[in-house]
Amino acid sequence: ILSDERSTGEGEWAGAMRDWEDARIRKVVRRARGAEWRKAAALPGITVTGGNAEVRVYPPIPLDGWPKELAKLQVSGTDLDDPEPPAAPDPEGLVLWLNPELEMSAGKTMAQVGHGAQLAWWELSDTERKAWREAGFPLSVATATPERWRELTTSGLPVVRDAGFTEIAPGPTVAVEGGRRFCPLPGVRVHR
C-alpha cells in the first residue's frame, strides 16, 4: 500500500496514509472466508496473493470507524497449519527476523512483519524502492537464533518494537535485515 499511487502525492488515500504515519502505527489482522471475504474484498484496498493465500490491505481506518464488513470479521482463528517447513531466508532479498523468545499468533506475526516491511520501505532510497517494487517486494521471514537475534538488534538495523497492546509485552519483535540485491539497508538506527 505504501507504493500504490493512491497512497502518495495527492492520491485518494494519501491524506489517510500521512495521518497514519504521523501517529502510532497500528496494523490489525482479521480472517475472512467465502461471502465475508467477497464483501470485504469489495471495499477499497489491495489484494496480494502468495501461493494459495490471499491477503487484503486497506487504507488506514480509525479503529472506531471501521466499515461493518470489516468490523464483523474474525479476530481469532488466524493460526494456520503449515505442512511445509519454511524455506531458508534468501540473502538476496529483505529478511524479517522474528524474536526467538516470543510466542505470537499468526495474526500478530503478520502485523509485526508488516511493520518490518514498512520500516524497510522507509529506509530505502527512491531507486532502491523502485527496484524492490519491480521485483515484486521479495522478502523472507525467519525466526532468528538467540545469538543471531543479539547480533541483529545491536547492529543498528531497523527493529520493530511492539507497544504491548495485544498478546505480548512491549519490546523488540522483528529485526529488518536488507538483502544484497533488493534492499541494501544501511545499519543506521533502531526504530522505536
N, C-alpha and C. Protein backbone atom coordinates (compact mmCIF):
# COMPACT_ATOMS: atom_id res chain seq x y z
N ILE A 1 0.83 -1.19 0.00
CA ILE A 1 0.00 0.00 0.00
C ILE A 1 0.88 1.26 0.00
N LEU A 2 2.09 1.16 0.56
CA LEU A 2 2.98 2.32 0.62
C LEU A 2 3.40 2.80 -0.76
N SER A 3 3.48 1.88 -1.73
CA SER A 3 3.94 2.26 -3.06
C SER A 3 2.80 2.52 -4.03
N ASP A 4 1.57 2.29 -3.62
CA ASP A 4 0.42 2.48 -4.51
C ASP A 4 0.22 3.97 -4.77
N GLU A 5 -0.04 4.33 -6.02
CA GLU A 5 -0.20 5.75 -6.38
C GLU A 5 -1.34 6.42 -5.61
N ARG A 6 -2.31 5.65 -5.15
CA ARG A 6 -3.40 6.22 -4.37
C ARG A 6 -2.95 6.63 -2.97
N SER A 7 -1.77 6.12 -2.53
CA SER A 7 -1.25 6.42 -1.19
C SER A 7 -0.25 7.56 -1.18
N THR A 8 0.14 8.05 -2.33
CA THR A 8 1.19 9.06 -2.41
C THR A 8 0.68 10.35 -3.03
N GLY A 9 1.46 11.41 -2.89
CA GLY A 9 1.12 12.69 -3.51
C GLY A 9 -0.27 13.16 -3.15
N GLU A 10 -1.11 13.30 -4.18
CA GLU A 10 -2.49 13.74 -3.99
C GLU A 10 -3.48 12.59 -4.17
N GLY A 11 -2.99 11.35 -4.09
CA GLY A 11 -3.86 10.18 -4.27
C GLY A 11 -4.99 10.14 -3.25
N GLU A 12 -6.02 9.37 -3.58
CA GLU A 12 -7.22 9.35 -2.73
C GLU A 12 -6.96 8.84 -1.32
N TRP A 13 -5.90 8.05 -1.10
CA TRP A 13 -5.59 7.55 0.24
C TRP A 13 -4.45 8.33 0.90
N ALA A 14 -3.85 9.27 0.19
CA ALA A 14 -2.63 9.94 0.67
C ALA A 14 -2.83 10.64 2.01
N GLY A 15 -3.93 11.35 2.19
CA GLY A 15 -4.17 12.03 3.46
C GLY A 15 -4.27 11.06 4.62
N ALA A 16 -5.01 9.97 4.42
CA ALA A 16 -5.14 8.96 5.47
C ALA A 16 -3.79 8.31 5.76
N MET A 17 -2.98 8.08 4.73
CA MET A 17 -1.65 7.49 4.93
C MET A 17 -0.76 8.44 5.73
N ARG A 18 -0.76 9.72 5.38
CA ARG A 18 0.07 10.68 6.13
C ARG A 18 -0.36 10.75 7.59
N ASP A 19 -1.67 10.83 7.83
CA ASP A 19 -2.16 10.88 9.21
C ASP A 19 -1.75 9.64 9.99
N TRP A 20 -1.83 8.49 9.34
CA TRP A 20 -1.49 7.21 9.97
C TRP A 20 0.01 7.16 10.30
N GLU A 21 0.84 7.58 9.36
CA GLU A 21 2.28 7.54 9.57
C GLU A 21 2.75 8.57 10.59
N ASP A 22 1.97 9.61 10.81
CA ASP A 22 2.32 10.62 11.81
C ASP A 22 1.90 10.22 13.22
N ALA A 23 1.15 9.15 13.36
CA ALA A 23 0.68 8.69 14.66
C ALA A 23 1.36 7.35 14.98
N ARG A 24 0.92 6.71 16.05
CA ARG A 24 1.42 5.36 16.34
C ARG A 24 0.88 4.42 15.27
N ILE A 25 1.77 3.71 14.63
CA ILE A 25 1.38 2.81 13.56
C ILE A 25 0.78 1.55 14.17
N ARG A 26 -0.45 1.24 13.77
CA ARG A 26 -1.09 0.00 14.20
C ARG A 26 -1.58 -0.73 12.97
N LYS A 27 -1.46 -2.04 13.03
CA LYS A 27 -1.99 -2.91 11.98
C LYS A 27 -2.89 -3.92 12.67
N VAL A 28 -4.03 -4.19 12.08
CA VAL A 28 -4.99 -5.14 12.64
C VAL A 28 -5.20 -6.25 11.62
N VAL A 29 -5.13 -7.49 12.06
CA VAL A 29 -5.30 -8.64 11.18
C VAL A 29 -6.62 -9.33 11.52
N ARG A 30 -7.40 -9.60 10.48
CA ARG A 30 -8.68 -10.32 10.62
C ARG A 30 -8.69 -11.44 9.59
N ARG A 31 -9.61 -12.37 9.78
CA ARG A 31 -9.72 -13.51 8.88
C ARG A 31 -11.11 -13.55 8.26
N ALA A 32 -11.17 -13.88 6.97
CA ALA A 32 -12.46 -13.98 6.27
C ALA A 32 -12.41 -15.12 5.27
N ARG A 33 -13.59 -15.71 5.06
CA ARG A 33 -13.74 -16.76 4.05
C ARG A 33 -15.06 -16.55 3.32
N GLY A 34 -15.17 -17.13 2.16
CA GLY A 34 -16.43 -17.17 1.43
C GLY A 34 -17.08 -15.82 1.24
N ALA A 35 -18.35 -15.72 1.64
CA ALA A 35 -19.13 -14.50 1.43
C ALA A 35 -18.53 -13.32 2.19
N GLU A 36 -17.99 -13.57 3.39
CA GLU A 36 -17.37 -12.47 4.14
C GLU A 36 -16.17 -11.92 3.39
N TRP A 37 -15.36 -12.81 2.79
CA TRP A 37 -14.21 -12.37 2.01
C TRP A 37 -14.66 -11.54 0.81
N ARG A 38 -15.68 -12.00 0.12
CA ARG A 38 -16.16 -11.27 -1.05
C ARG A 38 -16.65 -9.87 -0.66
N LYS A 39 -17.35 -9.76 0.46
CA LYS A 39 -17.83 -8.44 0.93
C LYS A 39 -16.65 -7.55 1.30
N ALA A 40 -15.68 -8.11 2.02
CA ALA A 40 -14.50 -7.33 2.42
C ALA A 40 -13.67 -6.93 1.20
N ALA A 41 -13.60 -7.80 0.21
CA ALA A 41 -12.81 -7.52 -0.99
C ALA A 41 -13.44 -6.44 -1.85
N ALA A 42 -14.73 -6.17 -1.66
CA ALA A 42 -15.40 -5.12 -2.43
C ALA A 42 -15.04 -3.71 -1.93
N LEU A 43 -14.48 -3.61 -0.72
CA LEU A 43 -14.07 -2.31 -0.18
C LEU A 43 -12.76 -1.88 -0.83
N PRO A 44 -12.48 -0.57 -0.90
CA PRO A 44 -11.22 -0.10 -1.48
C PRO A 44 -10.02 -0.69 -0.74
N GLY A 45 -9.09 -1.24 -1.50
CA GLY A 45 -7.89 -1.83 -0.92
C GLY A 45 -7.09 -2.54 -1.99
N ILE A 46 -6.12 -3.32 -1.56
CA ILE A 46 -5.22 -4.04 -2.47
C ILE A 46 -5.15 -5.48 -2.01
N THR A 47 -5.31 -6.43 -2.93
CA THR A 47 -5.18 -7.85 -2.61
C THR A 47 -3.85 -8.36 -3.16
N VAL A 48 -3.13 -9.10 -2.33
CA VAL A 48 -1.86 -9.71 -2.71
C VAL A 48 -2.02 -11.21 -2.55
N THR A 49 -1.52 -11.97 -3.53
CA THR A 49 -1.62 -13.42 -3.50
C THR A 49 -0.22 -14.01 -3.40
N GLY A 50 -0.08 -15.00 -2.53
CA GLY A 50 1.17 -15.74 -2.39
C GLY A 50 0.84 -17.21 -2.20
N GLY A 51 1.22 -18.05 -3.15
CA GLY A 51 0.83 -19.45 -3.07
C GLY A 51 -0.68 -19.55 -3.15
N ASN A 52 -1.29 -20.23 -2.17
CA ASN A 52 -2.75 -20.36 -2.17
C ASN A 52 -3.40 -19.42 -1.16
N ALA A 53 -2.67 -18.43 -0.70
CA ALA A 53 -3.22 -17.47 0.27
C ALA A 53 -3.43 -16.11 -0.38
N GLU A 54 -4.45 -15.42 0.09
CA GLU A 54 -4.70 -14.05 -0.34
C GLU A 54 -4.74 -13.16 0.90
N VAL A 55 -4.12 -12.01 0.79
CA VAL A 55 -4.12 -11.02 1.87
C VAL A 55 -4.62 -9.72 1.27
N ARG A 56 -5.50 -9.05 1.99
CA ARG A 56 -6.02 -7.77 1.51
C ARG A 56 -5.63 -6.70 2.52
N VAL A 57 -5.11 -5.60 2.02
CA VAL A 57 -4.74 -4.47 2.86
C VAL A 57 -5.62 -3.29 2.48
N TYR A 58 -6.01 -2.54 3.49
CA TYR A 58 -6.91 -1.41 3.29
C TYR A 58 -6.20 -0.13 3.67
N PRO A 59 -6.62 0.99 3.09
CA PRO A 59 -6.06 2.26 3.55
C PRO A 59 -6.38 2.43 5.03
N PRO A 60 -5.58 3.21 5.74
CA PRO A 60 -5.80 3.37 7.19
C PRO A 60 -7.22 3.82 7.52
N ILE A 61 -7.76 3.18 8.55
CA ILE A 61 -9.11 3.47 9.03
C ILE A 61 -9.03 3.60 10.55
N PRO A 62 -9.57 4.66 11.14
CA PRO A 62 -9.58 4.72 12.61
C PRO A 62 -10.32 3.51 13.17
N LEU A 63 -9.85 2.99 14.31
CA LEU A 63 -10.45 1.79 14.88
C LEU A 63 -11.94 1.95 15.15
N ASP A 64 -12.37 3.18 15.44
CA ASP A 64 -13.80 3.38 15.72
C ASP A 64 -14.59 3.72 14.45
N GLY A 65 -13.95 3.66 13.29
CA GLY A 65 -14.64 4.00 12.05
C GLY A 65 -14.67 2.88 11.03
N TRP A 66 -14.47 1.65 11.47
CA TRP A 66 -14.41 0.53 10.55
C TRP A 66 -15.74 0.28 9.85
N PRO A 67 -15.71 -0.02 8.56
CA PRO A 67 -16.94 -0.44 7.88
C PRO A 67 -17.43 -1.76 8.49
N LYS A 68 -18.73 -1.98 8.47
CA LYS A 68 -19.30 -3.19 9.09
C LYS A 68 -18.75 -4.46 8.46
N GLU A 69 -18.38 -4.41 7.18
CA GLU A 69 -17.84 -5.59 6.50
C GLU A 69 -16.52 -6.05 7.13
N LEU A 70 -15.76 -5.11 7.70
CA LEU A 70 -14.50 -5.47 8.35
C LEU A 70 -14.69 -5.71 9.84
N ALA A 71 -15.53 -4.92 10.48
CA ALA A 71 -15.70 -5.00 11.93
C ALA A 71 -16.18 -6.37 12.38
N LYS A 72 -16.97 -7.05 11.55
CA LYS A 72 -17.52 -8.34 11.98
C LYS A 72 -16.64 -9.54 11.63
N LEU A 73 -15.48 -9.31 11.03
CA LEU A 73 -14.59 -10.43 10.70
C LEU A 73 -13.92 -10.98 11.95
N GLN A 74 -13.47 -12.25 11.84
CA GLN A 74 -12.85 -12.94 12.97
C GLN A 74 -11.52 -12.31 13.36
N VAL A 75 -11.34 -12.15 14.67
CA VAL A 75 -10.05 -11.75 15.20
C VAL A 75 -9.26 -13.00 15.53
N SER A 76 -9.92 -13.98 16.13
CA SER A 76 -9.25 -15.23 16.47
C SER A 76 -9.31 -16.18 15.28
N GLY A 77 -8.61 -17.28 15.40
CA GLY A 77 -8.63 -18.26 14.32
C GLY A 77 -7.67 -17.92 13.20
N THR A 78 -6.68 -17.07 13.48
CA THR A 78 -5.71 -16.75 12.43
C THR A 78 -4.50 -17.68 12.47
N ASP A 79 -4.45 -18.62 13.43
CA ASP A 79 -3.37 -19.59 13.42
C ASP A 79 -3.60 -20.58 12.29
N LEU A 80 -2.55 -20.89 11.58
CA LEU A 80 -2.67 -21.70 10.37
C LEU A 80 -1.80 -22.95 10.48
N ASP A 81 -2.27 -24.03 9.89
CA ASP A 81 -1.46 -25.24 9.78
C ASP A 81 -0.58 -25.08 8.55
N ASP A 82 0.70 -25.28 8.72
CA ASP A 82 1.62 -25.17 7.59
C ASP A 82 2.36 -26.50 7.48
N PRO A 83 1.97 -27.35 6.54
CA PRO A 83 2.59 -28.67 6.44
C PRO A 83 4.04 -28.62 5.95
N GLU A 84 4.43 -27.53 5.34
CA GLU A 84 5.79 -27.42 4.80
C GLU A 84 6.64 -26.55 5.72
N PRO A 85 7.86 -26.98 6.02
CA PRO A 85 8.74 -26.08 6.78
C PRO A 85 9.11 -24.88 5.91
N PRO A 86 9.33 -23.73 6.53
CA PRO A 86 9.66 -22.55 5.72
C PRO A 86 11.02 -22.73 5.02
N ALA A 87 11.13 -22.11 3.87
CA ALA A 87 12.39 -22.14 3.13
C ALA A 87 13.42 -21.30 3.88
N ALA A 88 14.68 -21.57 3.63
CA ALA A 88 15.75 -20.77 4.23
C ALA A 88 15.64 -19.34 3.71
N PRO A 89 15.97 -18.34 4.53
CA PRO A 89 15.91 -16.95 4.07
C PRO A 89 16.80 -16.73 2.85
N ASP A 90 16.33 -15.91 1.93
CA ASP A 90 17.08 -15.58 0.73
C ASP A 90 17.95 -14.36 1.02
N PRO A 91 19.27 -14.52 1.04
CA PRO A 91 20.14 -13.39 1.36
C PRO A 91 20.15 -12.28 0.30
N GLU A 92 19.54 -12.55 -0.86
CA GLU A 92 19.46 -11.52 -1.90
C GLU A 92 18.37 -10.50 -1.59
N GLY A 93 17.37 -10.89 -0.84
CA GLY A 93 16.24 -10.01 -0.54
C GLY A 93 16.15 -9.69 0.93
N LEU A 94 15.18 -8.88 1.25
CA LEU A 94 14.92 -8.48 2.61
C LEU A 94 14.62 -9.70 3.48
N VAL A 95 15.17 -9.73 4.70
CA VAL A 95 14.86 -10.79 5.66
C VAL A 95 14.30 -10.13 6.91
N LEU A 96 13.12 -10.57 7.32
CA LEU A 96 12.50 -10.10 8.55
C LEU A 96 12.69 -11.20 9.58
N TRP A 97 13.55 -10.92 10.57
CA TRP A 97 13.91 -11.90 11.58
C TRP A 97 13.01 -11.74 12.80
N LEU A 98 12.35 -12.83 13.20
CA LEU A 98 11.48 -12.82 14.37
C LEU A 98 12.28 -13.06 15.64
N ASN A 99 11.85 -12.43 16.71
CA ASN A 99 12.46 -12.60 18.03
C ASN A 99 12.22 -14.05 18.48
N PRO A 100 13.30 -14.81 18.76
CA PRO A 100 13.13 -16.22 19.12
C PRO A 100 12.50 -16.43 20.49
N GLU A 101 12.43 -15.40 21.30
CA GLU A 101 11.88 -15.54 22.65
C GLU A 101 10.38 -15.31 22.72
N LEU A 102 9.76 -14.96 21.60
CA LEU A 102 8.33 -14.62 21.61
C LEU A 102 7.48 -15.72 21.00
N GLU A 103 6.30 -15.92 21.59
CA GLU A 103 5.25 -16.76 21.01
C GLU A 103 4.16 -15.82 20.55
N MET A 104 3.92 -15.75 19.25
CA MET A 104 2.88 -14.87 18.71
C MET A 104 1.94 -15.69 17.83
N SER A 105 0.67 -15.31 17.82
CA SER A 105 -0.27 -15.93 16.89
C SER A 105 0.14 -15.57 15.47
N ALA A 106 -0.43 -16.28 14.51
CA ALA A 106 -0.14 -15.96 13.10
C ALA A 106 -0.57 -14.53 12.78
N GLY A 107 -1.71 -14.10 13.31
CA GLY A 107 -2.18 -12.74 13.06
C GLY A 107 -1.23 -11.69 13.61
N LYS A 108 -0.75 -11.90 14.84
CA LYS A 108 0.20 -10.97 15.45
C LYS A 108 1.51 -10.96 14.65
N THR A 109 1.95 -12.14 14.25
CA THR A 109 3.18 -12.22 13.46
C THR A 109 3.01 -11.48 12.14
N MET A 110 1.85 -11.65 11.49
CA MET A 110 1.61 -10.93 10.22
C MET A 110 1.69 -9.43 10.43
N ALA A 111 1.09 -8.93 11.49
CA ALA A 111 1.14 -7.49 11.76
C ALA A 111 2.57 -7.04 12.00
N GLN A 112 3.34 -7.82 12.76
CA GLN A 112 4.71 -7.43 13.07
C GLN A 112 5.61 -7.43 11.83
N VAL A 113 5.47 -8.44 10.97
CA VAL A 113 6.29 -8.44 9.76
C VAL A 113 5.83 -7.33 8.81
N GLY A 114 4.56 -6.97 8.86
CA GLY A 114 4.09 -5.81 8.10
C GLY A 114 4.79 -4.54 8.56
N HIS A 115 4.95 -4.40 9.88
CA HIS A 115 5.70 -3.26 10.42
C HIS A 115 7.15 -3.31 9.91
N GLY A 116 7.74 -4.50 9.92
CA GLY A 116 9.12 -4.63 9.46
C GLY A 116 9.29 -4.24 8.01
N ALA A 117 8.38 -4.67 7.15
CA ALA A 117 8.44 -4.29 5.74
C ALA A 117 8.28 -2.78 5.58
N GLN A 118 7.43 -2.19 6.41
CA GLN A 118 7.24 -0.74 6.36
C GLN A 118 8.52 -0.01 6.79
N LEU A 119 9.19 -0.50 7.82
CA LEU A 119 10.46 0.12 8.23
C LEU A 119 11.49 0.01 7.10
N ALA A 120 11.52 -1.13 6.43
CA ALA A 120 12.45 -1.29 5.31
C ALA A 120 12.15 -0.27 4.23
N TRP A 121 10.88 -0.11 3.89
CA TRP A 121 10.47 0.85 2.86
C TRP A 121 10.96 2.25 3.21
N TRP A 122 10.79 2.65 4.44
CA TRP A 122 11.21 3.99 4.86
C TRP A 122 12.72 4.18 4.79
N GLU A 123 13.48 3.10 4.96
CA GLU A 123 14.94 3.20 4.94
C GLU A 123 15.52 3.29 3.54
N LEU A 124 14.78 2.82 2.54
CA LEU A 124 15.33 2.71 1.19
C LEU A 124 15.26 4.03 0.43
N SER A 125 16.21 4.20 -0.48
CA SER A 125 16.18 5.34 -1.39
C SER A 125 15.08 5.11 -2.43
N ASP A 126 14.74 6.15 -3.18
CA ASP A 126 13.73 6.00 -4.24
C ASP A 126 14.15 4.94 -5.26
N THR A 127 15.44 4.90 -5.60
CA THR A 127 15.94 3.92 -6.56
C THR A 127 15.80 2.51 -6.00
N GLU A 128 16.15 2.33 -4.73
CA GLU A 128 16.04 1.01 -4.10
C GLU A 128 14.57 0.58 -3.96
N ARG A 129 13.70 1.54 -3.63
CA ARG A 129 12.27 1.23 -3.55
C ARG A 129 11.74 0.75 -4.90
N LYS A 130 12.15 1.45 -5.96
CA LYS A 130 11.69 1.09 -7.31
C LYS A 130 12.15 -0.33 -7.66
N ALA A 131 13.40 -0.65 -7.37
CA ALA A 131 13.92 -1.99 -7.68
C ALA A 131 13.17 -3.06 -6.88
N TRP A 132 12.91 -2.78 -5.62
CA TRP A 132 12.19 -3.75 -4.78
C TRP A 132 10.76 -3.95 -5.28
N ARG A 133 10.10 -2.85 -5.62
CA ARG A 133 8.73 -2.91 -6.14
C ARG A 133 8.69 -3.70 -7.45
N GLU A 134 9.61 -3.39 -8.38
CA GLU A 134 9.62 -4.06 -9.68
C GLU A 134 9.91 -5.55 -9.55
N ALA A 135 10.61 -5.94 -8.49
CA ALA A 135 10.90 -7.36 -8.25
C ALA A 135 9.73 -8.07 -7.56
N GLY A 136 8.69 -7.32 -7.19
CA GLY A 136 7.54 -7.92 -6.52
C GLY A 136 7.66 -7.95 -5.01
N PHE A 137 8.49 -7.08 -4.44
CA PHE A 137 8.69 -6.99 -2.99
C PHE A 137 9.11 -8.33 -2.37
N PRO A 138 10.14 -8.99 -2.90
CA PRO A 138 10.55 -10.26 -2.30
C PRO A 138 11.06 -10.05 -0.88
N LEU A 139 10.69 -10.97 -0.01
CA LEU A 139 11.21 -10.95 1.36
C LEU A 139 11.07 -12.33 1.96
N SER A 140 11.84 -12.57 2.99
CA SER A 140 11.77 -13.82 3.74
C SER A 140 11.46 -13.49 5.18
N VAL A 141 10.80 -14.42 5.86
CA VAL A 141 10.54 -14.29 7.29
C VAL A 141 11.11 -15.54 7.94
N ALA A 142 11.90 -15.36 8.99
CA ALA A 142 12.50 -16.49 9.69
C ALA A 142 12.66 -16.13 11.16
N THR A 143 12.73 -17.15 11.99
CA THR A 143 12.99 -16.92 13.41
C THR A 143 14.50 -16.99 13.61
N ALA A 144 15.03 -15.96 14.22
CA ALA A 144 16.47 -15.90 14.48
C ALA A 144 16.85 -16.85 15.61
N THR A 145 18.08 -17.30 15.61
CA THR A 145 18.59 -17.99 16.79
C THR A 145 18.84 -16.92 17.85
N PRO A 146 18.93 -17.30 19.12
CA PRO A 146 19.21 -16.28 20.15
C PRO A 146 20.50 -15.49 19.86
N GLU A 147 21.53 -16.17 19.38
CA GLU A 147 22.79 -15.48 19.09
C GLU A 147 22.61 -14.50 17.93
N ARG A 148 21.94 -14.96 16.89
CA ARG A 148 21.71 -14.08 15.72
C ARG A 148 20.84 -12.90 16.11
N TRP A 149 19.84 -13.11 16.97
CA TRP A 149 18.97 -12.03 17.42
C TRP A 149 19.78 -10.94 18.12
N ARG A 150 20.71 -11.36 18.98
CA ARG A 150 21.57 -10.37 19.67
C ARG A 150 22.38 -9.57 18.65
N GLU A 151 22.94 -10.24 17.65
CA GLU A 151 23.71 -9.54 16.61
C GLU A 151 22.84 -8.53 15.87
N LEU A 152 21.66 -8.98 15.46
CA LEU A 152 20.76 -8.12 14.68
C LEU A 152 20.31 -6.90 15.46
N THR A 153 19.96 -7.09 16.72
CA THR A 153 19.38 -5.99 17.50
C THR A 153 20.42 -5.05 18.07
N THR A 154 21.68 -5.36 17.90
CA THR A 154 22.73 -4.43 18.35
C THR A 154 23.52 -3.87 17.17
N SER A 155 23.08 -4.15 15.95
CA SER A 155 23.83 -3.77 14.75
C SER A 155 23.44 -2.41 14.18
N GLY A 156 22.36 -1.82 14.67
CA GLY A 156 21.89 -0.56 14.10
C GLY A 156 20.86 -0.75 13.01
N LEU A 157 20.50 -1.99 12.68
CA LEU A 157 19.45 -2.24 11.70
C LEU A 157 18.09 -1.84 12.28
N PRO A 158 17.11 -1.58 11.43
CA PRO A 158 15.77 -1.26 11.94
C PRO A 158 15.20 -2.43 12.76
N VAL A 159 14.58 -2.09 13.87
CA VAL A 159 13.97 -3.08 14.76
C VAL A 159 12.55 -2.62 15.09
N VAL A 160 11.58 -3.50 14.90
CA VAL A 160 10.20 -3.22 15.28
C VAL A 160 10.09 -3.40 16.78
N ARG A 161 9.51 -2.42 17.45
CA ARG A 161 9.27 -2.51 18.89
C ARG A 161 7.77 -2.43 19.12
N ASP A 162 7.22 -3.51 19.62
CA ASP A 162 5.77 -3.57 19.85
C ASP A 162 5.42 -2.75 21.09
N ALA A 163 4.27 -2.08 21.04
CA ALA A 163 3.83 -1.25 22.16
C ALA A 163 3.20 -2.07 23.28
N GLY A 164 2.91 -3.34 23.04
CA GLY A 164 2.37 -4.19 24.08
C GLY A 164 0.87 -4.10 24.28
N PHE A 165 0.13 -3.61 23.29
CA PHE A 165 -1.32 -3.51 23.42
C PHE A 165 -2.00 -4.88 23.39
N THR A 166 -1.45 -5.83 22.64
CA THR A 166 -2.07 -7.15 22.50
C THR A 166 -1.02 -8.25 22.55
N GLU A 167 -1.35 -9.36 23.13
CA GLU A 167 -0.61 -10.63 23.12
C GLU A 167 0.74 -10.64 23.82
N ILE A 168 1.57 -9.67 23.58
CA ILE A 168 2.94 -9.73 24.09
C ILE A 168 3.29 -8.45 24.85
N ALA A 169 4.32 -8.55 25.68
CA ALA A 169 4.80 -7.38 26.42
C ALA A 169 5.51 -6.44 25.45
N PRO A 170 5.61 -5.16 25.80
CA PRO A 170 6.34 -4.23 24.94
C PRO A 170 7.78 -4.70 24.74
N GLY A 171 8.30 -4.48 23.54
CA GLY A 171 9.68 -4.83 23.27
C GLY A 171 9.91 -5.17 21.81
N PRO A 172 11.15 -5.58 21.49
CA PRO A 172 11.50 -5.86 20.10
C PRO A 172 10.88 -7.16 19.60
N THR A 173 10.36 -7.12 18.37
CA THR A 173 9.70 -8.29 17.79
C THR A 173 10.33 -8.75 16.48
N VAL A 174 10.76 -7.80 15.66
CA VAL A 174 11.28 -8.11 14.32
C VAL A 174 12.49 -7.25 14.04
N ALA A 175 13.56 -7.88 13.55
CA ALA A 175 14.73 -7.14 13.07
C ALA A 175 14.71 -7.21 11.55
N VAL A 176 15.03 -6.09 10.91
CA VAL A 176 14.94 -5.96 9.45
C VAL A 176 16.34 -5.96 8.87
N GLU A 177 16.66 -7.02 8.13
CA GLU A 177 17.99 -7.12 7.51
C GLU A 177 17.83 -7.03 6.00
N GLY A 178 18.54 -6.10 5.40
CA GLY A 178 18.45 -5.93 3.96
C GLY A 178 19.23 -6.99 3.22
N GLY A 179 18.81 -7.25 2.01
CA GLY A 179 19.49 -8.22 1.17
C GLY A 179 20.49 -7.53 0.25
N ARG A 180 21.32 -8.32 -0.37
CA ARG A 180 22.35 -7.76 -1.24
C ARG A 180 21.77 -7.15 -2.50
N ARG A 181 20.63 -7.67 -2.97
CA ARG A 181 20.15 -7.25 -4.28
C ARG A 181 19.07 -6.18 -4.21
N PHE A 182 18.02 -6.39 -3.40
CA PHE A 182 16.87 -5.50 -3.47
C PHE A 182 16.81 -4.47 -2.35
N CYS A 183 17.27 -4.80 -1.19
CA CYS A 183 17.09 -3.92 -0.03
C CYS A 183 18.39 -3.77 0.75
N PRO A 184 19.38 -3.11 0.18
CA PRO A 184 20.65 -2.96 0.89
C PRO A 184 20.53 -1.91 1.99
N LEU A 185 19.92 -2.30 3.11
CA LEU A 185 19.67 -1.34 4.19
C LEU A 185 20.96 -0.99 4.91
N PRO A 186 21.17 0.29 5.14
CA PRO A 186 22.30 0.68 5.97
C PRO A 186 21.99 0.39 7.43
N GLY A 187 22.99 0.10 8.22
CA GLY A 187 22.78 -0.08 9.66
C GLY A 187 22.83 1.27 10.35
N VAL A 188 21.70 1.97 10.36
CA VAL A 188 21.73 3.36 10.82
C VAL A 188 21.03 3.63 12.13
N ARG A 189 19.93 2.94 12.44
CA ARG A 189 19.24 3.29 13.68
C ARG A 189 18.25 2.20 14.08
N VAL A 190 17.80 2.27 15.31
CA VAL A 190 16.76 1.39 15.82
C VAL A 190 15.50 2.21 15.90
N HIS A 191 14.40 1.71 15.32
CA HIS A 191 13.11 2.42 15.35
C HIS A 191 12.39 2.12 16.65
N ARG A 192 11.79 3.12 17.23
CA ARG A 192 11.03 2.94 18.47
C ARG A 192 9.61 3.36 18.25
